[in-house]
Amino acid sequence: MQASTAATPETEQSYDLLIVGGGINGAGIARDAAGRGLSVLLVEQDDLASYTSSSSTKLIHGGLRYLEYYEFRLVREALIERERLLGMAPHIIWPLRFVLPQSQSPRPGWMVRLGLFLYDNLGGRKELPGTEVIDLDRVARGNGLKPQAGKRKSDTKGQTSKGKAFVYSDCWVEDSRLVVLNAMDAAARGARIETRTRLVDAVSENGGWKATLEGSQGTREVSARMMINAAGPWVDKVLQRLGRAHNDRGVRLVKGSHIVVPRLYDGEHAFMLQNPDRRIVFAIPYEREFTLIGTTDEPWTEAPGKAEISQGEIDYLCETANRYFERQTTPSDIVWSYAGIRPLYDDHAANASAVTRDYVLDFDKREDAAPLLSIFGGKITTYRKLAEHALEHIAEVFPQANTAWTAGAKLPGGDLPDGNFDAYVHSLETAYPKMPQALLRRLARAYGSRSVELLGAAASPADLGEDFGGGLYAREIDYLVRAEWARSAQDILYRRSKLGLHVPAGAEAAIEAYLARHLAEAG
């Protein structure tokens, strides 16, 4: 097993761009810039997508509720990107239909209908089906929902109905894998990606940056013509460290938490649940056996870092689910929870749910100092467009890199014939007849066309090496270390995959022991 490395630091000391932050925005900018011929170094203090970018609701969506806050530009851009990203990575992104029950809606039906009309038409939708209205008492998509008393005009006292619902389209994404695929493509185009490497300090010198980095091999200095601060929740901290902080703008940290419980309903559709406080919560099919419920919106006043769900958030999400579903949820049903800190641009909104999800790019270019671009806010759906806008901002520093190219360019593994995922899975089943079909489908979902690179000449599971349970074998771990910067069991079980929900007790310790042995052998 060979660790992911590039050229040695001694031969790479000077770059066009130093990008701080290995979340979706940093990885997306690294990919775009490397594809334009710039030399790029991206540093991430932990693993790729360790924080915000692995803690989302896993949606590529326009943001239907943002229409309430008149975020028309953001919604339109996100809707355009939705189908574009679906075409770029059909293995990790796929269409999902959302059921929006009206039985407990705090919004009148005409308002929801108008919002969905705009949603269907703002972004030039081509591939995804449009909105429809269904009677939840008469269709399978209503199964699992609780009927509500007196919801039909013709009802008499004591009669119940599930009522009407709108059904609309968005997309699902494996969020942390989207980050990794962008980093992989950036590296394939010449970028250097260094995880577990921290920016200690940087000073402006001769119109450029001299930065001190600390990684597994110690401390070293590099130089760069320009720096991009894509540190997410740490964006303000980096600005303070560089002496470039602003008094008139900043980041507002909002915590969003999710719970995972055994499946609450049958079917591959999701639900958008409206609460009396006008906030919405999604219930989404997750990892075959579970339902994902989230998210919350709570102000975060502590330092950036790992966050955990609070008891109040657990109660809120359980209460929301219980308001709608027949199968009741208690805290003891939760098999996993996660929380992330969203670094939103501080637009001084009073309500955390109303803070803009739009992004702001702050280009600080002075005659007497090195140029710096800082990223505030953003959402995973618009990361590619954000990166494109970032490159437009810095065109005066790098006029040779002025040609946009990422729109429609496939991400690693996304080049499935005709973009047909099911047909590709069938081709794998034909090529590997002795492999379990469930394993082949999971590998195809994770790696797309690169599944063949991972499987190689293996004829059966016995050829894939040590079995860690849950469909995880040593060969996949080797691949993740070699090609995707994985270094720990957490990297493998909860960011490169969600196999942590499926492996048996003791698997995490066994993986750590395996990694320790083989990383030591790789030097």
Protein backbone atom coordinates (compact mmCIF):
# COMPACT_ATOMS: atom_id res chain seq x y z
CA MET A 1 0.00 0.00 0.00
CA GLN A 2 1.47 3.31 -1.08
CA ALA A 3 0.62 6.60 0.60
CA SER A 4 -0.60 9.54 -1.50
CA THR A 5 2.39 11.78 -2.09
CA ALA A 6 3.54 14.26 -4.68
CA ALA A 7 6.98 15.73 -5.24
CA THR A 8 9.06 16.26 -2.10
CA PRO A 9 8.76 19.65 -0.38
CA GLU A 10 12.42 20.41 -1.15
CA THR A 11 11.65 20.55 -4.88
CA GLU A 12 8.40 22.52 -4.51
CA GLN A 13 8.81 25.76 -2.61
CA SER A 14 7.10 28.32 -4.83
CA TYR A 15 3.51 28.38 -6.08
CA ASP A 16 1.12 30.69 -7.84
CA LEU A 17 -1.65 29.95 -5.33
CA LEU A 18 -1.60 28.83 -1.72
CA ILE A 19 -5.11 27.71 -0.76
CA VAL A 20 -5.92 27.36 2.93
CA GLY A 21 -8.81 24.98 3.58
CA GLY A 22 -9.72 21.54 2.26
CA GLY A 23 -13.49 21.84 2.21
CA ILE A 24 -15.62 22.03 -0.92
CA ASN A 25 -14.71 25.63 -1.76
CA GLY A 26 -10.96 25.14 -1.37
CA ALA A 27 -10.99 21.89 -3.34
CA GLY A 28 -13.17 23.40 -6.07
CA ILE A 29 -10.90 26.43 -6.46
CA ALA A 30 -7.80 24.20 -6.51
CA ARG A 31 -9.31 22.13 -9.31
CA ASP A 32 -10.32 25.13 -11.40
CA ALA A 33 -6.99 26.91 -10.93
CA ALA A 34 -4.87 23.83 -11.68
CA GLY A 35 -6.91 23.25 -14.82
CA ARG A 36 -6.00 26.77 -15.95
CA GLY A 37 -2.29 26.05 -15.62
CA LEU A 38 -1.58 27.67 -12.25
CA SER A 39 0.70 25.97 -9.75
CA VAL A 40 -1.37 25.27 -6.65
CA LEU A 41 -0.70 24.14 -3.10
CA LEU A 42 -3.75 23.35 -0.96
CA VAL A 43 -3.27 22.78 2.76
CA GLU A 44 -5.87 21.39 5.15
CA GLN A 45 -5.26 21.17 8.90
CA ASP A 46 -7.14 17.85 9.19
CA ASP A 47 -8.67 15.51 6.61
CA LEU A 48 -10.45 16.73 3.49
CA ALA A 49 -14.06 17.67 4.33
CA SER A 50 -13.44 17.15 8.03
CA TYR A 51 -15.88 19.81 9.14
CA THR A 52 -18.64 21.71 7.34
CA SER A 53 -18.42 19.93 3.99
CA SER A 54 -19.13 16.51 5.48
CA SER A 55 -21.91 17.76 7.77
CA SER A 56 -24.50 18.93 5.28
CA THR A 57 -27.98 17.56 4.57
CA LYS A 58 -26.39 15.90 1.48
CA LEU A 59 -28.46 17.85 -1.05
CA ILE A 60 -27.72 19.49 -4.36
CA HIS A 61 -30.65 21.86 -4.41
CA GLY A 62 -31.79 25.34 -5.29
CA GLY A 63 -32.94 26.06 -1.76
CA LEU A 64 -36.73 26.32 -2.02
CA ARG A 65 -37.07 28.09 1.33
CA TYR A 66 -34.56 30.79 0.29
CA LEU A 67 -37.28 32.18 -2.00
CA GLU A 68 -39.04 33.36 1.18
CA TYR A 69 -36.06 35.62 1.81
CA TYR A 70 -36.00 36.88 -1.82
CA GLU A 71 -32.66 35.19 -2.55
CA PHE A 72 -33.60 34.90 -6.24
CA ARG A 73 -30.07 35.23 -7.61
CA LEU A 74 -28.75 32.51 -5.32
CA VAL A 75 -31.66 30.16 -6.04
CA ARG A 76 -31.36 30.63 -9.79
CA GLU A 77 -27.62 30.00 -9.76
CA ALA A 78 -28.08 26.93 -7.55
CA LEU A 79 -30.81 25.51 -9.79
CA ILE A 80 -28.62 25.88 -12.87
CA GLU A 81 -25.73 24.20 -11.04
CA ARG A 82 -28.00 21.39 -9.82
CA GLU A 83 -28.39 19.76 -13.24
CA ARG A 84 -24.85 20.66 -14.25
CA LEU A 85 -23.37 18.83 -11.25
CA LEU A 86 -25.71 15.88 -11.82
CA GLY A 87 -24.15 15.47 -15.26
CA MET A 88 -20.61 15.84 -13.92
CA ALA A 89 -20.85 13.17 -11.23
CA PRO A 90 -23.83 10.83 -11.78
CA HIS A 91 -22.30 8.24 -9.46
CA ILE A 92 -22.34 10.38 -6.30
CA ILE A 93 -25.25 12.66 -7.29
CA TRP A 94 -28.72 11.41 -8.22
CA PRO A 95 -32.27 12.79 -8.52
CA LEU A 96 -34.58 12.71 -5.53
CA ARG A 97 -38.29 13.51 -5.33
CA PHE A 98 -39.44 15.51 -2.29
CA VAL A 99 -42.92 15.26 -0.82
CA LEU A 100 -44.13 18.49 0.82
CA PRO A 101 -47.26 17.74 2.90
CA GLN A 102 -49.66 20.62 3.36
CA SER A 103 -51.65 19.19 6.29
CA GLN A 104 -49.58 21.09 8.86
CA SER A 105 -48.20 23.87 6.70
CA PRO A 106 -47.92 27.35 8.25
CA ARG A 107 -47.85 28.67 4.66
CA PRO A 108 -50.99 28.90 2.51
CA GLY A 109 -51.17 26.54 -0.45
CA TRP A 110 -51.12 29.37 -3.00
CA MET A 111 -47.79 30.60 -1.58
CA VAL A 112 -46.19 27.15 -1.77
CA ARG A 113 -47.56 26.62 -5.28
CA LEU A 114 -46.12 29.97 -6.41
CA GLY A 115 -42.76 29.18 -4.86
CA LEU A 116 -42.64 25.81 -6.61
CA PHE A 117 -43.62 27.41 -9.93
CA LEU A 118 -40.62 29.73 -9.60
CA TYR A 119 -38.47 26.81 -8.47
CA ASP A 120 -39.41 24.81 -11.57
CA ASN A 121 -38.67 27.67 -13.95
CA LEU A 122 -35.92 29.91 -12.54
CA GLY A 123 -33.03 27.65 -13.47
CA GLY A 124 -33.97 26.38 -16.92
CA ARG A 125 -34.76 22.85 -15.69
CA LYS A 126 -34.25 20.20 -18.40
CA GLU A 127 -33.65 16.77 -16.90
CA LEU A 128 -35.55 16.71 -13.61
CA PRO A 129 -39.34 16.30 -13.50
CA GLY A 130 -41.44 19.23 -12.38
CA THR A 131 -43.91 19.71 -9.54
CA GLU A 132 -47.08 17.66 -9.15
CA VAL A 133 -49.88 17.60 -6.57
CA ILE A 134 -50.86 14.30 -4.94
CA ASP A 135 -53.51 13.04 -2.52
CA LEU A 136 -51.56 11.37 0.27
CA ASP A 137 -54.53 9.14 1.15
CA ARG A 138 -54.48 7.58 -2.31
CA VAL A 139 -50.80 7.08 -3.21
CA ALA A 140 -47.92 5.04 -1.80
CA ARG A 141 -45.95 8.18 -1.03
CA GLY A 142 -48.38 8.85 1.78
CA ASN A 143 -47.58 5.56 3.51
CA GLY A 144 -46.03 6.06 6.93
CA LEU A 145 -47.51 9.51 7.48
CA LYS A 146 -49.98 10.21 10.28
CA PRO A 147 -53.46 11.31 9.24
CA GLN A 148 -54.58 14.64 10.63
CA ALA A 149 -58.02 15.28 12.08
CA GLY A 150 -60.49 17.36 10.08
CA LYS A 151 -58.29 18.26 7.14
CA ARG A 152 -60.89 17.86 4.37
CA LYS A 153 -63.66 20.42 3.93
CA SER A 154 -66.15 17.56 3.79
CA ASP A 155 -64.84 15.96 7.00
CA THR A 156 -67.06 15.69 10.00
CA LYS A 157 -65.69 15.63 13.51
CA GLY A 158 -63.42 12.67 14.16
CA GLN A 159 -62.59 11.92 10.52
CA THR A 160 -58.96 12.08 9.51
CA SER A 161 -56.98 12.58 6.33
CA LYS A 162 -53.34 12.91 5.30
CA GLY A 163 -54.33 15.67 2.93
CA LYS A 164 -52.63 16.97 -0.20
CA ALA A 165 -48.93 17.34 -0.90
CA PHE A 166 -46.73 18.93 -3.49
CA VAL A 167 -43.96 16.78 -5.00
CA TYR A 168 -40.88 18.42 -6.50
CA SER A 169 -37.34 17.50 -7.57
CA ASP A 170 -33.87 18.09 -6.19
CA CYS A 171 -30.73 15.93 -5.97
CA TRP A 172 -28.81 13.93 -3.39
CA VAL A 173 -25.02 14.14 -3.09
CA GLU A 174 -22.35 12.27 -1.18
CA ASP A 175 -20.96 15.55 0.14
CA SER A 176 -17.54 14.54 1.46
CA ARG A 177 -16.89 12.45 -1.66
CA LEU A 178 -17.62 15.50 -3.80
CA VAL A 179 -14.79 17.28 -1.98
CA VAL A 180 -12.40 14.36 -2.48
CA LEU A 181 -13.21 14.08 -6.20
CA ASN A 182 -12.44 17.76 -6.71
CA ALA A 183 -9.14 17.34 -4.86
CA MET A 184 -8.30 14.26 -6.94
CA ASP A 185 -8.95 16.11 -10.18
CA ALA A 186 -6.91 19.07 -8.95
CA ALA A 187 -4.00 16.75 -8.14
CA ALA A 188 -4.30 15.04 -11.53
CA ARG A 189 -3.91 18.50 -13.11
CA GLY A 190 -0.77 19.27 -11.11
CA ALA A 191 -1.97 20.67 -7.79
CA ARG A 192 -0.34 19.53 -4.58
CA ILE A 193 -2.84 18.54 -1.87
CA GLU A 194 -1.48 18.33 1.68
CA THR A 195 -3.84 17.14 4.40
CA ARG A 196 -3.03 17.37 8.11
CA THR A 197 -0.93 20.43 7.30
CA ARG A 198 -1.54 23.69 9.15
CA LEU A 199 -0.84 27.28 8.19
CA VAL A 200 1.20 28.58 11.13
CA ASP A 201 1.82 32.09 9.80
CA ALA A 202 2.31 34.06 6.61
CA VAL A 203 3.83 37.44 5.84
CA SER A 204 3.70 39.66 2.80
CA GLU A 205 7.13 39.88 1.21
CA ASN A 206 8.09 41.43 -2.14
CA GLY A 207 4.49 41.44 -3.33
CA GLY A 208 3.94 37.78 -2.49
CA TRP A 209 3.46 35.52 0.51
CA LYS A 210 6.00 33.64 2.57
CA ALA A 211 4.10 31.07 4.59
CA THR A 212 5.10 28.76 7.41
CA LEU A 213 3.42 25.36 7.30
CA GLU A 214 3.41 22.59 9.88
CA GLY A 215 2.71 19.00 8.85
CA SER A 216 3.58 15.45 9.72
CA GLN A 217 7.18 15.97 8.61
CA GLY A 218 7.72 19.14 10.62
CA THR A 219 7.72 22.85 9.80
CA ARG A 220 8.75 24.38 6.50
CA GLU A 221 8.35 27.58 4.50
CA VAL A 222 6.81 28.04 1.07
CA SER A 223 6.20 31.09 -1.06
CA ALA A 224 3.19 31.97 -3.17
CA ARG A 225 2.22 34.87 -5.39
CA MET A 226 -1.28 34.85 -3.91
CA MET A 227 -3.22 33.24 -1.07
CA ILE A 228 -6.84 32.10 -1.01
CA ASN A 229 -8.47 31.89 2.40
CA ALA A 230 -11.07 29.13 2.07
CA ALA A 231 -10.85 28.13 5.73
CA GLY A 232 -14.62 27.99 6.26
CA PRO A 233 -15.40 28.53 9.96
CA TRP A 234 -11.79 29.65 10.45
CA VAL A 235 -11.87 32.33 7.74
CA ASP A 236 -11.85 35.14 10.31
CA LYS A 237 -9.09 33.45 12.32
CA VAL A 238 -6.88 33.25 9.22
CA LEU A 239 -7.52 36.92 8.44
CA GLN A 240 -6.55 37.88 11.97
CA ARG A 241 -3.39 35.79 11.74
CA LEU A 242 -2.46 37.58 8.51
CA GLY A 243 -3.32 41.02 9.88
CA ARG A 244 -6.05 41.48 7.27
CA ALA A 245 -9.21 41.33 9.41
CA HIS A 246 -12.17 43.59 8.54
CA ASN A 247 -14.40 45.43 10.96
CA ASP A 248 -17.29 45.77 8.49
CA ARG A 249 -17.65 42.13 7.45
CA GLY A 250 -17.14 38.72 8.87
CA VAL A 251 -18.45 35.24 9.26
CA ARG A 252 -21.50 34.21 11.27
CA LEU A 253 -21.32 30.68 12.58
CA VAL A 254 -24.52 28.63 12.60
CA LYS A 255 -24.70 25.03 13.79
CA GLY A 256 -26.74 22.52 11.84
CA SER A 257 -27.34 19.05 13.30
CA HIS A 258 -28.80 15.80 11.96
CA ILE A 259 -29.90 12.48 13.38
CA VAL A 260 -30.02 9.06 11.70
CA VAL A 261 -32.71 6.58 12.80
CA PRO A 262 -34.08 3.25 11.50
CA ARG A 263 -36.27 3.79 8.44
CA LEU A 264 -39.48 5.65 9.19
CA TYR A 265 -41.21 4.86 5.88
CA ASP A 266 -40.86 2.82 2.71
CA GLY A 267 -39.89 4.31 -0.63
CA GLU A 268 -37.01 6.26 -2.13
CA HIS A 269 -38.63 9.68 -1.83
CA ALA A 270 -37.80 12.33 0.77
CA PHE A 271 -40.07 14.57 2.81
CA MET A 272 -39.86 18.28 3.48
CA LEU A 273 -41.57 18.81 6.83
CA GLN A 274 -42.88 22.25 7.75
CA ASN A 275 -42.91 23.21 11.42
CA PRO A 276 -45.15 25.69 13.24
CA ASP A 277 -42.12 27.98 13.69
CA ARG A 278 -41.87 28.08 9.84
CA ARG A 279 -38.56 26.22 9.85
CA ILE A 280 -38.30 23.12 7.69
CA VAL A 281 -36.73 19.73 8.35
CA PHE A 282 -35.94 17.05 5.78
CA ALA A 283 -36.51 13.31 6.20
CA ILE A 284 -34.45 11.42 3.62
CA PRO A 285 -33.79 7.74 2.84
CA TYR A 286 -30.26 7.04 4.02
CA GLU A 287 -27.86 4.15 3.55
CA ARG A 288 -30.66 1.71 2.65
CA GLU A 289 -31.70 0.98 6.26
CA PHE A 290 -32.11 4.43 7.79
CA THR A 291 -33.79 7.83 7.62
CA LEU A 292 -31.74 11.02 7.89
CA ILE A 293 -33.53 13.87 9.70
CA GLY A 294 -32.28 17.46 9.72
CA THR A 295 -31.24 20.15 9.89
CA THR A 296 -31.35 22.62 12.76
CA ASP A 297 -30.21 26.24 12.79
CA GLU A 298 -28.57 27.38 16.02
CA PRO A 299 -26.16 30.29 16.52
CA TRP A 300 -22.64 29.08 17.37
CA THR A 301 -20.70 31.37 19.68
CA GLU A 302 -17.81 29.08 20.59
CA ALA A 303 -14.53 28.73 18.70
CA PRO A 304 -14.68 26.85 15.37
CA GLY A 305 -14.10 23.12 15.58
CA LYS A 306 -15.90 19.84 16.01
CA ALA A 307 -19.51 20.29 17.08
CA GLU A 308 -21.98 17.88 18.61
CA ILE A 309 -25.74 17.84 18.57
CA SER A 310 -27.39 19.27 21.68
CA GLN A 311 -30.24 17.68 23.62
CA GLY A 312 -32.46 20.55 22.53
CA GLU A 313 -31.74 19.79 18.87
CA ILE A 314 -32.38 16.09 19.40
CA ASP A 315 -35.75 16.89 20.98
CA TYR A 316 -36.63 19.31 18.17
CA LEU A 317 -35.86 16.81 15.40
CA CYS A 318 -37.65 13.95 17.17
CA GLU A 319 -40.71 16.14 17.78
CA THR A 320 -40.76 17.16 14.12
CA ALA A 321 -40.60 13.56 12.93
CA ASN A 322 -43.26 12.48 15.43
CA ARG A 323 -45.58 15.24 14.28
CA TYR A 324 -45.65 13.72 10.80
CA PHE A 325 -44.84 9.99 10.93
CA GLU A 326 -46.76 7.06 12.39
CA ARG A 327 -43.57 5.38 13.55
CA GLN A 328 -42.51 7.43 16.55
CA THR A 329 -38.89 8.36 17.21
CA THR A 330 -37.17 8.66 20.58
CA PRO A 331 -33.58 9.63 21.37
CA SER A 332 -32.83 5.95 22.02
CA ASP A 333 -33.58 5.20 18.34
CA ILE A 334 -30.74 7.39 17.11
CA VAL A 335 -27.97 5.28 15.57
CA TRP A 336 -25.77 8.23 14.61
CA SER A 337 -25.81 11.99 14.75
CA TYR A 338 -23.57 14.67 13.34
CA ALA A 339 -23.31 18.44 13.56
CA GLY A 340 -21.48 20.99 11.48
CA ILE A 341 -20.66 24.67 11.76
CA ARG A 342 -21.80 26.60 8.71
CA PRO A 343 -19.65 29.70 8.07
CA LEU A 344 -22.27 32.09 6.71
CA TYR A 345 -21.58 35.63 5.59
CA ASP A 346 -22.74 37.94 8.39
CA ASP A 347 -25.58 39.96 6.89
CA HIS A 348 -26.82 40.88 10.38
CA ALA A 349 -30.10 38.92 10.07
CA ALA A 350 -31.80 38.51 13.44
CA ASN A 351 -32.82 34.89 12.80
CA ALA A 352 -30.15 32.24 12.21
CA SER A 353 -32.46 30.50 9.70
CA ALA A 354 -32.69 33.73 7.70
CA VAL A 355 -28.95 34.38 7.38
CA THR A 356 -28.01 34.42 3.70
CA ARG A 357 -26.53 31.24 2.22
CA ASP A 358 -25.06 33.31 -0.61
CA TYR A 359 -21.33 33.77 -0.81
CA VAL A 360 -19.13 36.86 -0.76
CA LEU A 361 -15.63 36.96 -2.23
CA ASP A 362 -13.37 39.57 -0.64
CA PHE A 363 -10.38 40.38 -2.87
CA ASP A 364 -7.79 42.32 -0.90
CA LYS A 365 -5.22 43.62 -3.38
CA ARG A 366 -2.96 46.43 -2.27
CA GLU A 367 0.00 48.05 -3.94
CA ASP A 368 2.22 47.42 -0.94
CA ALA A 369 1.04 43.93 0.06
CA ALA A 370 0.48 40.45 -1.30
CA PRO A 371 -2.96 39.71 -2.78
CA LEU A 372 -5.46 37.73 -0.73
CA LEU A 373 -8.90 36.38 -1.61
CA SER A 374 -11.18 35.35 1.26
CA ILE A 375 -14.31 33.25 0.88
CA PHE A 376 -17.31 34.05 3.08
CA GLY A 377 -20.39 31.85 3.09
CA GLY A 378 -21.56 29.67 0.23
CA LYS A 379 -23.34 26.33 -0.13
CA ILE A 380 -22.20 23.03 -1.55
CA THR A 381 -24.46 23.31 -4.61
CA THR A 382 -22.79 26.49 -5.85
CA TYR A 383 -19.17 25.54 -5.11
CA ARG A 384 -18.21 25.18 -8.80
CA LYS A 385 -19.62 28.59 -9.71
CA LEU A 386 -18.00 30.10 -6.63
CA ALA A 387 -14.64 28.74 -7.81
CA GLU A 388 -15.22 30.18 -11.27
CA HIS A 389 -16.02 33.57 -9.76
CA ALA A 390 -12.91 33.33 -7.59
CA LEU A 391 -10.74 32.84 -10.68
CA GLU A 392 -12.44 35.82 -12.32
CA HIS A 393 -11.54 37.96 -9.31
CA ILE A 394 -7.85 37.12 -9.51
CA ALA A 395 -7.53 37.44 -13.30
CA GLU A 396 -5.57 40.66 -12.91
CA VAL A 397 -2.93 38.76 -10.94
CA PHE A 398 -2.93 35.80 -13.37
CA PRO A 399 -4.17 37.10 -16.75
CA GLN A 400 -3.01 33.90 -18.42
CA ALA A 401 -5.62 31.92 -16.46
CA ASN A 402 -8.74 33.57 -17.83
CA THR A 403 -10.51 30.67 -19.55
CA ALA A 404 -13.30 28.96 -17.62
CA TRP A 405 -13.44 25.22 -18.23
CA THR A 406 -15.17 23.31 -15.41
CA ALA A 407 -18.80 23.57 -16.59
CA GLY A 408 -19.64 20.05 -17.68
CA ALA A 409 -16.15 18.66 -17.12
CA LYS A 410 -16.60 15.23 -15.53
CA LEU A 411 -15.31 14.59 -12.05
CA PRO A 412 -13.24 11.42 -11.43
CA GLY A 413 -15.42 8.36 -11.96
CA GLY A 414 -18.25 10.42 -13.47
CA ASP A 415 -17.64 9.37 -17.06
CA LEU A 416 -20.29 6.65 -17.06
CA PRO A 417 -21.51 5.69 -20.55
CA ASP A 418 -24.47 7.99 -21.32
CA GLY A 419 -24.43 8.93 -17.62
CA ASN A 420 -26.49 5.80 -16.97
CA PHE A 421 -25.68 4.54 -13.48
CA ASP A 422 -27.87 1.42 -13.56
CA ALA A 423 -26.42 0.35 -16.89
CA TYR A 424 -22.93 0.77 -15.49
CA VAL A 425 -23.78 -1.38 -12.46
CA HIS A 426 -25.10 -4.06 -14.83
CA SER A 427 -21.79 -3.97 -16.73
CA LEU A 428 -19.91 -4.51 -13.44
CA GLU A 429 -22.16 -7.45 -12.58
CA THR A 430 -21.37 -8.96 -15.97
CA ALA A 431 -17.62 -8.40 -15.58
CA TYR A 432 -17.52 -9.66 -11.96
CA PRO A 433 -20.20 -12.38 -11.76
CA LYS A 434 -18.88 -13.85 -8.49
CA MET A 435 -18.94 -10.54 -6.64
CA PRO A 436 -22.01 -9.72 -4.48
CA GLN A 437 -24.33 -7.38 -6.37
CA ALA A 438 -24.76 -5.16 -3.31
CA LEU A 439 -20.98 -4.70 -3.11
CA LEU A 440 -20.69 -3.80 -6.80
CA ARG A 441 -23.52 -1.28 -6.53
CA ARG A 442 -21.94 0.38 -3.50
CA LEU A 443 -18.55 0.58 -5.20
CA ALA A 444 -20.15 2.05 -8.30
CA ARG A 445 -21.90 4.67 -6.16
CA ALA A 446 -18.64 5.62 -4.48
CA TYR A 447 -16.12 5.35 -7.33
CA GLY A 448 -18.09 5.31 -10.57
CA SER A 449 -15.98 4.21 -13.51
CA ARG A 450 -12.96 3.92 -11.21
CA SER A 451 -14.51 0.88 -9.55
CA VAL A 452 -12.65 -1.24 -12.11
CA GLU A 453 -9.34 0.29 -10.99
CA LEU A 454 -10.14 -0.71 -7.42
CA LEU A 455 -11.40 -4.21 -8.24
CA GLY A 456 -8.67 -5.00 -10.75
CA ALA A 457 -8.41 -8.71 -11.52
CA ALA A 458 -10.27 -9.82 -8.38
CA ALA A 459 -12.76 -12.54 -9.19
CA SER A 460 -14.45 -12.91 -5.79
CA PRO A 461 -14.47 -11.22 -2.37
CA ALA A 462 -11.70 -13.55 -1.25
CA ASP A 463 -9.38 -11.76 -3.70
CA LEU A 464 -10.00 -8.38 -2.02
CA GLY A 465 -7.93 -9.09 1.07
CA GLU A 466 -8.83 -8.83 4.73
CA ASP A 467 -12.56 -8.54 5.40
CA PHE A 468 -13.47 -5.83 7.95
CA GLY A 469 -17.22 -6.46 7.68
CA GLY A 470 -19.99 -4.41 6.15
CA GLY A 471 -18.57 -4.99 2.67
CA LEU A 472 -15.23 -3.29 3.42
CA TYR A 473 -12.08 -5.12 2.33
CA ALA A 474 -8.38 -4.34 2.53
CA ARG A 475 -8.13 -3.56 -1.17
CA GLU A 476 -10.58 -0.67 -0.81
CA ILE A 477 -8.62 0.70 2.15
CA ASP A 478 -5.41 0.46 0.10
CA TYR A 479 -7.07 2.38 -2.72
CA LEU A 480 -8.34 5.10 -0.38
CA VAL A 481 -4.88 5.60 1.11
CA ARG A 482 -3.17 5.56 -2.28
CA ALA A 483 -5.60 7.73 -4.23
CA GLU A 484 -7.76 9.67 -1.75
CA TRP A 485 -5.55 10.81 1.17
CA ALA A 486 -7.27 8.56 3.74
CA ARG A 487 -5.16 8.13 6.87
CA SER A 488 -7.52 7.02 9.63
CA ALA A 489 -10.50 4.78 10.24
CA GLN A 490 -12.70 7.87 10.60
CA ASP A 491 -11.56 9.08 7.17
CA ILE A 492 -12.62 5.74 5.69
CA LEU A 493 -15.77 4.96 7.66
CA TYR A 494 -17.42 8.39 7.83
CA ARG A 495 -15.98 10.62 5.09
CA ARG A 496 -14.89 8.44 2.13
CA SER A 497 -17.96 6.30 2.93
CA LYS A 498 -20.65 5.84 5.54
CA LEU A 499 -19.62 2.26 6.24
CA GLY A 500 -19.36 3.17 9.91
CA LEU A 501 -23.12 2.53 10.02
CA HIS A 502 -22.66 -1.01 8.72
CA VAL A 503 -19.40 -2.48 10.02
CA PRO A 504 -19.45 -4.65 13.18
CA ALA A 505 -18.16 -3.59 16.58
CA GLY A 506 -14.39 -3.59 16.68
CA ALA A 507 -13.97 -2.80 12.98
CA GLU A 508 -12.67 0.73 13.61
CA ALA A 509 -9.86 -0.57 15.87
CA ALA A 510 -9.01 -3.28 13.32
CA ILE A 511 -8.78 -0.68 10.54
CA GLU A 512 -6.54 1.56 12.64
CA ALA A 513 -4.23 -1.39 13.30
CA TYR A 514 -4.17 -2.24 9.58
CA LEU A 515 -3.37 1.37 8.66
CA ALA A 516 -0.63 1.60 11.26
CA ARG A 517 1.08 -1.51 9.85
CA HIS A 518 0.80 -0.62 6.20
CA LEU A 519 1.49 3.10 6.43
CA ALA A 520 4.65 2.26 8.34
CA GLU A 521 5.65 -0.15 5.57
CA ALA A 522 5.02 2.56 2.97
CA GLY A 523 7.35 4.89 4.87
